Each structure stands twice: as C-alpha cells, then as structure tokens.
Amino acid sequence: MGFDFRRVRSVRGVWRPRGTPQQKKRRAVLEKLKEVVQRYQSQPIGRVIEQINPILRGWGNYFRIGHAARCFIFVQAWVERKVRRHMMRARKRSGFGWKRWRRT
C-alpha cells in the first residue's frame, strides 16, 4: 500500500494507528520527477511544470489520507529547488534565485 503504520497514543490516551508514506515511495516519486526534469532540461519552465503537475497531484491524492504533512513539505521543497534551478540555468546564472523570486 505504500504506508508505514505505527501505533501512537492520541491526546486522550487511546492507541490509534498512524499511517505515513513510506520513504521508499517518497524516493520513487522523487526519482520519477528527477527523470522528467532532466528530460525537459532545455524546455521552458511552463512545459516542465505541465509534466510534473499530474505526477504530484496523483501522488498527493493517494497519500492525502493519514499523516503525510512532513512528507509533503519535503517533496514541495525538493520540487521548488528543482524549478528554481531550472529557471536560473535558463538565465545562465548560478544559484537558486532566492533573492530574485519570492516563494509564492
């Protein structure tokens, strides 16, 4: 299924299952995204995002049940770095453009 299930105590002291995405599945989606970004390296950023969005939406919808916030934040930060690097390389500059563009 792709989840790690653990038993944790709730606020009221009742034992409950907690499902989080497996690291193996997170690594798999990052490898898939990496392949797409490398394949479209010479293309405009809009085309790259068109290819990445369906992958991220499908993965996010599958893992939205359970406790996946930390994993989603990790994947979001990874994708943001890849997109920023792509945009900076298109402008023949180094870095990620943290001072050039806002996070939104």
PDB file of N, CA and C in Angstrom:
ATOM      1  N   MET A   1       0.806  -1.195   0.000  1.00  0.00           N
ATOM      2  CA  MET A   1       0.000   0.000   0.000  1.00  0.00           C
ATOM      3  C   MET A   1       0.849   1.259   0.000  1.00  0.00           C
ATOM      4  N   GLY A   2       2.060   1.193   0.499  1.00  0.00           N
ATOM      5  CA  GLY A   2       2.911   2.357   0.480  1.00  0.00           C
ATOM      6  C   GLY A   2       2.906   3.171   1.756  1.00  0.00           C
ATOM      7  N   PHE A   3       2.267   2.656   2.802  1.00  0.00           N
ATOM      8  CA  PHE A   3       2.202   3.369   4.069  1.00  0.00           C
ATOM      9  C   PHE A   3       2.999   2.634   5.135  1.00  0.00           C
ATOM     10  N   ASP A   4       3.550   3.404   6.069  1.00  0.00           N
ATOM     11  CA  ASP A   4       4.114   2.851   7.301  1.00  0.00           C
ATOM     12  C   ASP A   4       3.063   3.058   8.377  1.00  0.00           C
ATOM     13  N   PHE A   5       2.619   1.979   9.004  1.00  0.00           N
ATOM     14  CA  PHE A   5       1.629   2.095  10.068  1.00  0.00           C
ATOM     15  C   PHE A   5       2.304   1.902  11.405  1.00  0.00           C
ATOM     16  N   ARG A   6       2.044   2.832  12.308  1.00  0.00           N
ATOM     17  CA  ARG A   6       2.573   2.753  13.670  1.00  0.00           C
ATOM     18  C   ARG A   6       1.441   2.983  14.647  1.00  0.00           C
ATOM     19  N   ARG A   7       1.634   2.514  15.827  1.00  0.00           N
ATOM     20  CA  ARG A   7       0.644   2.698  16.872  1.00  0.00           C
ATOM     21  C   ARG A   7       1.093   3.852  17.761  1.00  0.00           C
ATOM     22  N   VAL A   8       0.253   4.872  17.885  1.00  0.00           N
ATOM     23  CA  VAL A   8       0.591   6.042  18.691  1.00  0.00           C
ATOM     24  C   VAL A   8      -0.573   6.357  19.618  1.00  0.00           C
ATOM     25  N   ARG A   9      -0.257   7.055  20.684  1.00  0.00           N
ATOM     26  CA  ARG A   9      -1.303   7.479  21.612  1.00  0.00           C
ATOM     27  C   ARG A   9      -1.903   8.801  21.146  1.00  0.00           C
ATOM     28  N   SER A  10      -3.217   8.878  21.236  1.00  0.00           N
ATOM     29  CA  SER A  10      -3.885  10.129  20.901  1.00  0.00           C
ATOM     30  C   SER A  10      -3.822  11.064  22.105  1.00  0.00           C
ATOM     31  N   VAL A  11      -4.386  12.239  21.949  1.00  0.00           N
ATOM     32  CA  VAL A  11      -4.396  13.223  23.028  1.00  0.00           C
ATOM     33  C   VAL A  11      -5.149  12.679  24.243  1.00  0.00           C
ATOM     34  N   ARG A  12      -6.172  11.895  23.992  1.00  0.00           N
ATOM     35  CA  ARG A  12      -6.990  11.332  25.079  1.00  0.00           C
ATOM     36  C   ARG A  12      -6.385  10.059  25.674  1.00  0.00           C
ATOM     37  N   GLY A  13      -5.267   9.627  25.141  1.00  0.00           N
ATOM     38  CA  GLY A  13      -4.601   8.458  25.685  1.00  0.00           C
ATOM     39  C   GLY A  13      -5.011   7.143  25.046  1.00  0.00           C
ATOM     40  N   VAL A  14      -5.755   7.208  23.967  1.00  0.00           N
ATOM     41  CA  VAL A  14      -6.203   6.000  23.275  1.00  0.00           C
ATOM     42  C   VAL A  14      -5.189   5.666  22.189  1.00  0.00           C
ATOM     43  N   TRP A  15      -4.878   4.385  22.043  1.00  0.00           N
ATOM     44  CA  TRP A  15      -3.949   3.965  20.996  1.00  0.00           C
ATOM     45  C   TRP A  15      -4.642   4.006  19.646  1.00  0.00           C
ATOM     46  N   ARG A  16      -3.995   4.623  18.666  1.00  0.00           N
ATOM     47  CA  ARG A  16      -4.544   4.766  17.320  1.00  0.00           C
ATOM     48  C   ARG A  16      -3.468   4.429  16.283  1.00  0.00           C
ATOM     49  N   PRO A  17      -3.880   3.967  15.110  1.00  0.00           N
ATOM     50  CA  PRO A  17      -2.887   3.764  14.042  1.00  0.00           C
ATOM     51  C   PRO A  17      -2.546   5.089  13.368  1.00  0.00           C
ATOM     52  N   ARG A  18      -1.295   5.237  12.992  1.00  0.00           N
ATOM     53  CA  ARG A  18      -0.852   6.421  12.240  1.00  0.00           C
ATOM     54  C   ARG A  18      -0.175   5.934  10.970  1.00  0.00           C
ATOM     55  N   GLY A  19      -0.729   6.349   9.839  1.00  0.00           N
ATOM     56  CA  GLY A  19      -0.175   5.947   8.548  1.00  0.00           C
ATOM     57  C   GLY A  19       0.569   7.088   7.897  1.00  0.00           C
ATOM     58  N   THR A  20       1.817   6.871   7.588  1.00  0.00           N
ATOM     59  CA  THR A  20       2.626   7.858   6.891  1.00  0.00           C
ATOM     60  C   THR A  20       3.188   7.212   5.622  1.00  0.00           C
ATOM     61  N   PRO A  21       3.470   8.000   4.586  1.00  0.00           N
ATOM     62  CA  PRO A  21       4.049   7.426   3.364  1.00  0.00           C
ATOM     63  C   PRO A  21       5.430   6.823   3.636  1.00  0.00           C
ATOM     64  N   GLN A  22       5.692   5.685   3.026  1.00  0.00           N
ATOM     65  CA  GLN A  22       6.996   5.044   3.178  1.00  0.00           C
ATOM     66  C   GLN A  22       8.066   5.879   2.479  1.00  0.00           C
ATOM     67  N   GLN A  23       9.273   5.836   3.040  1.00  0.00           N
ATOM     68  CA  GLN A  23      10.376   6.561   2.409  1.00  0.00           C
ATOM     69  C   GLN A  23      10.684   5.997   1.026  1.00  0.00           C
ATOM     70  N   LYS A  24      10.454   4.712   0.867  1.00  0.00           N
ATOM     71  CA  LYS A  24      10.679   4.077  -0.428  1.00  0.00           C
ATOM     72  C   LYS A  24       9.769   4.693  -1.495  1.00  0.00           C
ATOM     73  N   LYS A  25       8.520   4.979  -1.133  1.00  0.00           N
ATOM     74  CA  LYS A  25       7.583   5.584  -2.080  1.00  0.00           C
ATOM     75  C   LYS A  25       7.924   7.045  -2.339  1.00  0.00           C
ATOM     76  N   ARG A  26       8.401   7.734  -1.302  1.00  0.00           N
ATOM     77  CA  ARG A  26       8.815   9.125  -1.481  1.00  0.00           C
ATOM     78  C   ARG A  26      10.019   9.193  -2.420  1.00  0.00           C
ATOM     79  N   ARG A  27      10.971   8.291  -2.218  1.00  0.00           N
ATOM     80  CA  ARG A  27      12.146   8.236  -3.092  1.00  0.00           C
ATOM     81  C   ARG A  27      11.739   7.936  -4.527  1.00  0.00           C
ATOM     82  N   ALA A  28      10.744   7.048  -4.692  1.00  0.00           N
ATOM     83  CA  ALA A  28      10.300   6.673  -6.039  1.00  0.00           C
ATOM     84  C   ALA A  28       9.703   7.868  -6.776  1.00  0.00           C
ATOM     85  N   VAL A  29       8.877   8.665  -6.080  1.00  0.00           N
ATOM     86  CA  VAL A  29       8.281   9.821  -6.755  1.00  0.00           C
ATOM     87  C   VAL A  29       9.350  10.867  -7.061  1.00  0.00           C
ATOM     88  N   LEU A  30      10.334  11.026  -6.182  1.00  0.00           N
ATOM     89  CA  LEU A  30      11.401  11.986  -6.456  1.00  0.00           C
ATOM     90  C   LEU A  30      12.254  11.539  -7.639  1.00  0.00           C
ATOM     91  N   GLU A  31      12.490  10.244  -7.767  1.00  0.00           N
ATOM     92  CA  GLU A  31      13.230   9.734  -8.932  1.00  0.00           C
ATOM     93  C   GLU A  31      12.451   9.974 -10.220  1.00  0.00           C
ATOM     94  N   LYS A  32      11.143   9.766 -10.159  1.00  0.00           N
ATOM     95  CA  LYS A  32      10.305   9.991 -11.335  1.00  0.00           C
ATOM     96  C   LYS A  32      10.330  11.471 -11.738  1.00  0.00           C
ATOM     97  N   LEU A  33      10.224  12.355 -10.743  1.00  0.00           N
ATOM     98  CA  LEU A  33      10.269  13.788 -11.017  1.00  0.00           C
ATOM     99  C   LEU A  33      11.636  14.209 -11.544  1.00  0.00           C
ATOM    100  N   LYS A  34      12.684  13.626 -10.988  1.00  0.00           N
ATOM    101  CA  LYS A  34      14.042  13.933 -11.428  1.00  0.00           C
ATOM    102  C   LYS A  34      14.223  13.564 -12.903  1.00  0.00           C
ATOM    103  N   GLU A  35      13.681  12.424 -13.274  1.00  0.00           N
ATOM    104  CA  GLU A  35      13.769  11.981 -14.663  1.00  0.00           C
ATOM    105  C   GLU A  35      13.056  12.963 -15.600  1.00  0.00           C
ATOM    106  N   VAL A  36      11.880  13.442 -15.190  1.00  0.00           N
ATOM    107  CA  VAL A  36      11.123  14.391 -16.015  1.00  0.00           C
ATOM    108  C   VAL A  36      11.882  15.703 -16.137  1.00  0.00           C
ATOM    109  N   VAL A  37      12.417  16.198 -15.020  1.00  0.00           N
ATOM    110  CA  VAL A  37      13.140  17.477 -15.039  1.00  0.00           C
ATOM    111  C   VAL A  37      14.375  17.369 -15.935  1.00  0.00           C
ATOM    112  N   GLN A  38      15.080  16.252 -15.867  1.00  0.00           N
ATOM    113  CA  GLN A  38      16.265  16.080 -16.708  1.00  0.00           C
ATOM    114  C   GLN A  38      15.897  15.957 -18.175  1.00  0.00           C
ATOM    115  N   ARG A  39      14.790  15.278 -18.470  1.00  0.00           N
ATOM    116  CA  ARG A  39      14.379  15.089 -19.847  1.00  0.00           C
ATOM    117  C   ARG A  39      13.985  16.410 -20.500  1.00  0.00           C
ATOM    118  N   TYR A  40      13.358  17.304 -19.711  1.00  0.00           N
ATOM    119  CA  TYR A  40      12.898  18.589 -20.242  1.00  0.00           C
ATOM    120  C   TYR A  40      13.824  19.735 -19.838  1.00  0.00           C
ATOM    121  N   GLN A  41      15.092  19.458 -19.718  1.00  0.00           N
ATOM    122  CA  GLN A  41      16.057  20.448 -19.251  1.00  0.00           C
ATOM    123  C   GLN A  41      16.156  21.653 -20.187  1.00  0.00           C
ATOM    124  N   SER A  42      16.024  21.436 -21.482  1.00  0.00           N
ATOM    125  CA  SER A  42      16.172  22.538 -22.436  1.00  0.00           C
ATOM    126  C   SER A  42      14.839  23.207 -22.759  1.00  0.00           C
ATOM    127  N   GLN A  43      13.756  22.747 -22.149  1.00  0.00           N
ATOM    128  CA  GLN A  43      12.429  23.277 -22.440  1.00  0.00           C
ATOM    129  C   GLN A  43      12.076  24.430 -21.500  1.00  0.00           C
ATOM    130  N   PRO A  44      11.095  25.248 -21.853  1.00  0.00           N
ATOM    131  CA  PRO A  44      10.652  26.315 -20.954  1.00  0.00           C
ATOM    132  C   PRO A  44      10.049  25.723 -19.671  1.00  0.00           C
ATOM    133  N   ILE A  45      10.078  26.513 -18.615  1.00  0.00           N
ATOM    134  CA  ILE A  45       9.635  26.024 -17.312  1.00  0.00           C
ATOM    135  C   ILE A  45       8.155  25.645 -17.320  1.00  0.00           C
ATOM    136  N   GLY A  46       7.362  26.324 -18.140  1.00  0.00           N
ATOM    137  CA  GLY A  46       5.938  26.000 -18.226  1.00  0.00           C
ATOM    138  C   GLY A  46       5.692  24.572 -18.673  1.00  0.00           C
ATOM    139  N   ARG A  47       6.473  24.122 -19.630  1.00  0.00           N
ATOM    140  CA  ARG A  47       6.333  22.754 -20.131  1.00  0.00           C
ATOM    141  C   ARG A  47       6.776  21.743 -19.078  1.00  0.00           C
ATOM    142  N   VAL A  48       7.801  22.073 -18.327  1.00  0.00           N
ATOM    143  CA  VAL A  48       8.269  21.186 -17.260  1.00  0.00           C
ATOM    144  C   VAL A  48       7.190  21.051 -16.187  1.00  0.00           C
ATOM    145  N   ILE A  49       6.592  22.172 -15.813  1.00  0.00           N
ATOM    146  CA  ILE A  49       5.547  22.146 -14.788  1.00  0.00           C
ATOM    147  C   ILE A  49       4.328  21.379 -15.269  1.00  0.00           C
ATOM    148  N   GLU A  50       4.001  21.489 -16.556  1.00  0.00           N
ATOM    149  CA  GLU A  50       2.888  20.705 -17.117  1.00  0.00           C
ATOM    150  C   GLU A  50       3.126  19.212 -16.964  1.00  0.00           C
ATOM    151  N   GLN A  51       4.372  18.782 -17.073  1.00  0.00           N
ATOM    152  CA  GLN A  51       4.697  17.367 -16.941  1.00  0.00           C
ATOM    153  C   GLN A  51       4.736  16.923 -15.482  1.00  0.00           C
ATOM    154  N   ILE A  52       5.157  17.816 -14.588  1.00  0.00           N
ATOM    155  CA  ILE A  52       5.318  17.462 -13.175  1.00  0.00           C
ATOM    156  C   ILE A  52       3.984  17.441 -12.429  1.00  0.00           C
ATOM    157  N   ASN A  53       3.081  18.382 -12.755  1.00  0.00           N
ATOM    158  CA  ASN A  53       1.837  18.538 -12.005  1.00  0.00           C
ATOM    159  C   ASN A  53       0.999  17.267 -11.897  1.00  0.00           C
ATOM    160  N   PRO A  54       0.727  16.536 -12.981  1.00  0.00           N
ATOM    161  CA  PRO A  54      -0.097  15.327 -12.834  1.00  0.00           C
ATOM    162  C   PRO A  54       0.543  14.278 -11.921  1.00  0.00           C
ATOM    163  N   ILE A  55       1.864  14.173 -11.962  1.00  0.00           N
ATOM    164  CA  ILE A  55       2.561  13.210 -11.100  1.00  0.00           C
ATOM    165  C   ILE A  55       2.365  13.600  -9.641  1.00  0.00           C
ATOM    166  N   LEU A  56       2.578  14.884  -9.337  1.00  0.00           N
ATOM    167  CA  LEU A  56       2.431  15.350  -7.961  1.00  0.00           C
ATOM    168  C   LEU A  56       0.989  15.255  -7.480  1.00  0.00           C
ATOM    169  N   ARG A  57       0.036  15.583  -8.345  1.00  0.00           N
ATOM    170  CA  ARG A  57      -1.370  15.507  -7.944  1.00  0.00           C
ATOM    171  C   ARG A  57      -1.780  14.077  -7.629  1.00  0.00           C
ATOM    172  N   GLY A  58      -1.392  13.161  -8.477  1.00  0.00           N
ATOM    173  CA  GLY A  58      -1.748  11.762  -8.243  1.00  0.00           C
ATOM    174  C   GLY A  58      -1.123  11.220  -6.976  1.00  0.00           C
ATOM    175  N   TRP A  59       0.148  11.518  -6.773  1.00  0.00           N
ATOM    176  CA  TRP A  59       0.848  11.044  -5.579  1.00  0.00           C
ATOM    177  C   TRP A  59       0.249  11.675  -4.326  1.00  0.00           C
ATOM    178  N   GLY A  60      -0.052  12.961  -4.395  1.00  0.00           N
ATOM    179  CA  GLY A  60      -0.630  13.658  -3.249  1.00  0.00           C
ATOM    180  C   GLY A  60      -2.020  13.165  -2.916  1.00  0.00           C
ATOM    181  N   ASN A  61      -2.831  12.884  -3.926  1.00  0.00           N
ATOM    182  CA  ASN A  61      -4.177  12.379  -3.662  1.00  0.00           C
ATOM    183  C   ASN A  61      -4.144  10.983  -3.058  1.00  0.00           C
ATOM    184  N   TYR A  62      -3.190  10.173  -3.475  1.00  0.00           N
ATOM    185  CA  TYR A  62      -3.099   8.827  -2.914  1.00  0.00           C
ATOM    186  C   TYR A  62      -2.697   8.876  -1.443  1.00  0.00           C
ATOM    187  N   PHE A  63      -1.746   9.728  -1.102  1.00  0.00           N
ATOM    188  CA  PHE A  63      -1.215   9.768   0.256  1.00  0.00           C
ATOM    189  C   PHE A  63      -1.866  10.830   1.135  1.00  0.00           C
ATOM    190  N   ARG A  64      -2.945  11.444   0.683  1.00  0.00           N
ATOM    191  CA  ARG A  64      -3.548  12.500   1.494  1.00  0.00           C
ATOM    192  C   ARG A  64      -4.213  11.969   2.754  1.00  0.00           C
ATOM    193  N   ILE A  65      -4.596  10.715   2.761  1.00  0.00           N
ATOM    194  CA  ILE A  65      -5.130  10.151   3.999  1.00  0.00           C
ATOM    195  C   ILE A  65      -3.965   9.846   4.923  1.00  0.00           C
ATOM    196  N   GLY A  66      -4.186   9.926   6.179  1.00  0.00           N
ATOM    197  CA  GLY A  66      -3.105   9.667   7.120  1.00  0.00           C
ATOM    198  C   GLY A  66      -2.355  10.940   7.460  1.00  0.00           C
ATOM    199  N   HIS A  67      -1.143  10.767   7.936  1.00  0.00           N
ATOM    200  CA  HIS A  67      -0.318  11.883   8.387  1.00  0.00           C
ATOM    201  C   HIS A  67       0.857  12.044   7.430  1.00  0.00           C
ATOM    202  N   ALA A  68       0.640  12.816   6.373  1.00  0.00           N
ATOM    203  CA  ALA A  68       1.651  12.937   5.335  1.00  0.00           C
ATOM    204  C   ALA A  68       2.207  14.349   5.212  1.00  0.00           C
ATOM    205  N   ALA A  69       1.909  15.227   6.151  1.00  0.00           N
ATOM    206  CA  ALA A  69       2.295  16.637   6.017  1.00  0.00           C
ATOM    207  C   ALA A  69       3.807  16.801   5.912  1.00  0.00           C
ATOM    208  N   ARG A  70       4.565  16.124   6.759  1.00  0.00           N
ATOM    209  CA  ARG A  70       6.025  16.265   6.718  1.00  0.00           C
ATOM    210  C   ARG A  70       6.588  15.787   5.390  1.00  0.00           C
ATOM    211  N   CYS A  71       6.035  14.703   4.899  1.00  0.00           N
ATOM    212  CA  CYS A  71       6.492  14.160   3.620  1.00  0.00           C
ATOM    213  C   CYS A  71       6.140  15.122   2.484  1.00  0.00           C
ATOM    214  N   PHE A  72       4.945  15.699   2.528  1.00  0.00           N
ATOM    215  CA  PHE A  72       4.543  16.656   1.500  1.00  0.00           C
ATOM    216  C   PHE A  72       5.440  17.884   1.519  1.00  0.00           C
ATOM    217  N   ILE A  73       5.795  18.360   2.699  1.00  0.00           N
ATOM    218  CA  ILE A  73       6.675  19.527   2.809  1.00  0.00           C
ATOM    219  C   ILE A  73       8.039  19.223   2.207  1.00  0.00           C
ATOM    220  N   PHE A  74       8.548  18.013   2.463  1.00  0.00           N
ATOM    221  CA  PHE A  74       9.838  17.607   1.907  1.00  0.00           C
ATOM    222  C   PHE A  74       9.786  17.598   0.381  1.00  0.00           C
ATOM    223  N   VAL A  75       8.747  16.996  -0.183  1.00  0.00           N
ATOM    224  CA  VAL A  75       8.613  16.902  -1.641  1.00  0.00           C
ATOM    225  C   VAL A  75       8.423  18.297  -2.239  1.00  0.00           C
ATOM    226  N   GLN A  76       7.629  19.143  -1.572  1.00  0.00           N
ATOM    227  CA  GLN A  76       7.418  20.502  -2.070  1.00  0.00           C
ATOM    228  C   GLN A  76       8.722  21.284  -2.116  1.00  0.00           C
ATOM    229  N   ALA A  77       9.526  21.190  -1.071  1.00  0.00           N
ATOM    230  CA  ALA A  77      10.808  21.906  -1.035  1.00  0.00           C
ATOM    231  C   ALA A  77      11.738  21.384  -2.131  1.00  0.00           C
ATOM    232  N   TRP A  78      11.745  20.069  -2.347  1.00  0.00           N
ATOM    233  CA  TRP A  78      12.596  19.461  -3.369  1.00  0.00           C
ATOM    234  C   TRP A  78      12.197  19.964  -4.755  1.00  0.00           C
ATOM    235  N   VAL A  79      10.896  19.977  -5.032  1.00  0.00           N
ATOM    236  CA  VAL A  79      10.412  20.426  -6.342  1.00  0.00           C
ATOM    237  C   VAL A  79      10.700  21.910  -6.528  1.00  0.00           C
ATOM    238  N   GLU A  80      10.519  22.697  -5.475  1.00  0.00           N
ATOM    239  CA  GLU A  80      10.794  24.133  -5.583  1.00  0.00           C
ATOM    240  C   GLU A  80      12.254  24.389  -5.935  1.00  0.00           C
ATOM    241  N   ARG A  81      13.175  23.645  -5.313  1.00  0.00           N
ATOM    242  CA  ARG A  81      14.596  23.811  -5.641  1.00  0.00           C
ATOM    243  C   ARG A  81      14.875  23.447  -7.090  1.00  0.00           C
ATOM    244  N   LYS A  82      14.265  22.365  -7.569  1.00  0.00           N
ATOM    245  CA  LYS A  82      14.475  21.955  -8.960  1.00  0.00           C
ATOM    246  C   LYS A  82      13.940  22.999  -9.942  1.00  0.00           C
ATOM    247  N   VAL A  83      12.776  23.548  -9.653  1.00  0.00           N
ATOM    248  CA  VAL A  83      12.182  24.547 -10.543  1.00  0.00           C
ATOM    249  C   VAL A  83      13.025  25.825 -10.533  1.00  0.00           C
ATOM    250  N   ARG A  84      13.457  26.253  -9.344  1.00  0.00           N
ATOM    251  CA  ARG A  84      14.284  27.453  -9.252  1.00  0.00           C
ATOM    252  C   ARG A  84      15.608  27.274  -9.991  1.00  0.00           C
ATOM    253  N   ARG A  85      16.218  26.112  -9.837  1.00  0.00           N
ATOM    254  CA  ARG A  85      17.486  25.849 -10.522  1.00  0.00           C
ATOM    255  C   ARG A  85      17.280  25.877 -12.039  1.00  0.00           C
ATOM    256  N   HIS A  86      16.170  25.283 -12.485  1.00  0.00           N
ATOM    257  CA  HIS A  86      15.854  25.274 -13.920  1.00  0.00           C
ATOM    258  C   HIS A  86      15.719  26.703 -14.446  1.00  0.00           C
ATOM    259  N   MET A  87      15.019  27.552 -13.692  1.00  0.00           N
ATOM    260  CA  MET A  87      14.812  28.932 -14.122  1.00  0.00           C
ATOM    261  C   MET A  87      16.122  29.719 -14.124  1.00  0.00           C
ATOM    262  N   MET A  88      16.964  29.490 -13.159  1.00  0.00           N
ATOM    263  CA  MET A  88      18.242  30.204 -13.114  1.00  0.00           C
ATOM    264  C   MET A  88      19.168  29.746 -14.241  1.00  0.00           C
ATOM    265  N   ARG A  89      19.184  28.464 -14.530  1.00  0.00           N
ATOM    266  CA  ARG A  89      20.027  27.974 -15.627  1.00  0.00           C
ATOM    267  C   ARG A  89      19.547  28.507 -16.967  1.00  0.00           C
ATOM    268  N   ALA A  90      18.234  28.710 -17.102  1.00  0.00           N
ATOM    269  CA  ALA A  90      17.706  29.282 -18.339  1.00  0.00           C
ATOM    270  C   ALA A  90      18.219  30.705 -18.539  1.00  0.00           C
ATOM    271  N   ARG A  91      18.533  31.370 -17.437  1.00  0.00           N
ATOM    272  CA  ARG A  91      19.068  32.733 -17.495  1.00  0.00           C
ATOM    273  C   ARG A  91      20.596  32.761 -17.418  1.00  0.00           C
ATOM    274  N   LYS A  92      21.191  31.583 -17.495  1.00  0.00           N
ATOM    275  CA  LYS A  92      22.653  31.431 -17.447  1.00  0.00           C
ATOM    276  C   LYS A  92      23.244  32.032 -16.179  1.00  0.00           C
ATOM    277  N   ARG A  93      22.622  31.713 -15.054  1.00  0.00           N
ATOM    278  CA  ARG A  93      23.098  32.185 -13.760  1.00  0.00           C
ATOM    279  C   ARG A  93      23.237  30.996 -12.817  1.00  0.00           C
ATOM    280  N   SER A  94      24.030  31.189 -11.769  1.00  0.00           N
ATOM    281  CA  SER A  94      24.178  30.135 -10.770  1.00  0.00           C
ATOM    282  C   SER A  94      23.239  30.410  -9.605  1.00  0.00           C
ATOM    283  N   GLY A  95      23.094  29.448  -8.748  1.00  0.00           N
ATOM    284  CA  GLY A  95      22.252  29.605  -7.567  1.00  0.00           C
ATOM    285  C   GLY A  95      20.816  29.190  -7.823  1.00  0.00           C
ATOM    286  N   PHE A  96      19.962  29.530  -6.849  1.00  0.00           N
ATOM    287  CA  PHE A  96      18.558  29.140  -6.907  1.00  0.00           C
ATOM    288  C   PHE A  96      17.621  30.333  -7.098  1.00  0.00           C
ATOM    289  N   GLY A  97      18.130  31.544  -6.996  1.00  0.00           N
ATOM    290  CA  GLY A  97      17.288  32.716  -7.181  1.00  0.00           C
ATOM    291  C   GLY A  97      16.441  33.055  -5.973  1.00  0.00           C
ATOM    292  N   TRP A  98      16.953  32.791  -4.777  1.00  0.00           N
ATOM    293  CA  TRP A  98      16.178  33.077  -3.563  1.00  0.00           C
ATOM    294  C   TRP A  98      15.948  34.566  -3.404  1.00  0.00           C
ATOM    295  N   LYS A  99      16.901  35.394  -3.814  1.00  0.00           N
ATOM    296  CA  LYS A  99      16.712  36.842  -3.706  1.00  0.00           C
ATOM    297  C   LYS A  99      15.939  37.402  -4.895  1.00  0.00           C
ATOM    298  N   ARG A 100      15.884  36.667  -5.972  1.00  0.00           N
ATOM    299  CA  ARG A 100      15.241  37.136  -7.193  1.00  0.00           C
ATOM    300  C   ARG A 100      13.740  36.926  -7.177  1.00  0.00           C
ATOM    301  N   TRP A 101      13.278  35.769  -6.690  1.00  0.00           N
ATOM    302  CA  TRP A 101      11.853  35.437  -6.705  1.00  0.00           C
ATOM    303  C   TRP A 101      11.376  35.093  -5.303  1.00  0.00           C
ATOM    304  N   ARG A 102      10.114  35.393  -5.040  1.00  0.00           N
ATOM    305  CA  ARG A 102       9.503  35.020  -3.764  1.00  0.00           C
ATOM    306  C   ARG A 102       9.147  33.553  -3.779  1.00  0.00           C
ATOM    307  N   ARG A 103       8.840  33.014  -2.618  1.00  0.00           N
ATOM    308  CA  ARG A 103       8.473  31.593  -2.535  1.00  0.00           C
ATOM    309  C   ARG A 103       7.104  31.330  -3.115  1.00  0.00           C
ATOM    310  N   THR A 104       6.210  32.321  -3.077  1.00  0.00           N
ATOM    311  CA  THR A 104       4.858  32.100  -3.603  1.00  0.00           C
ATOM    312  C   THR A 104       4.895  32.008  -5.105  1.00  0.00           C
TER     313      THR A 104
END
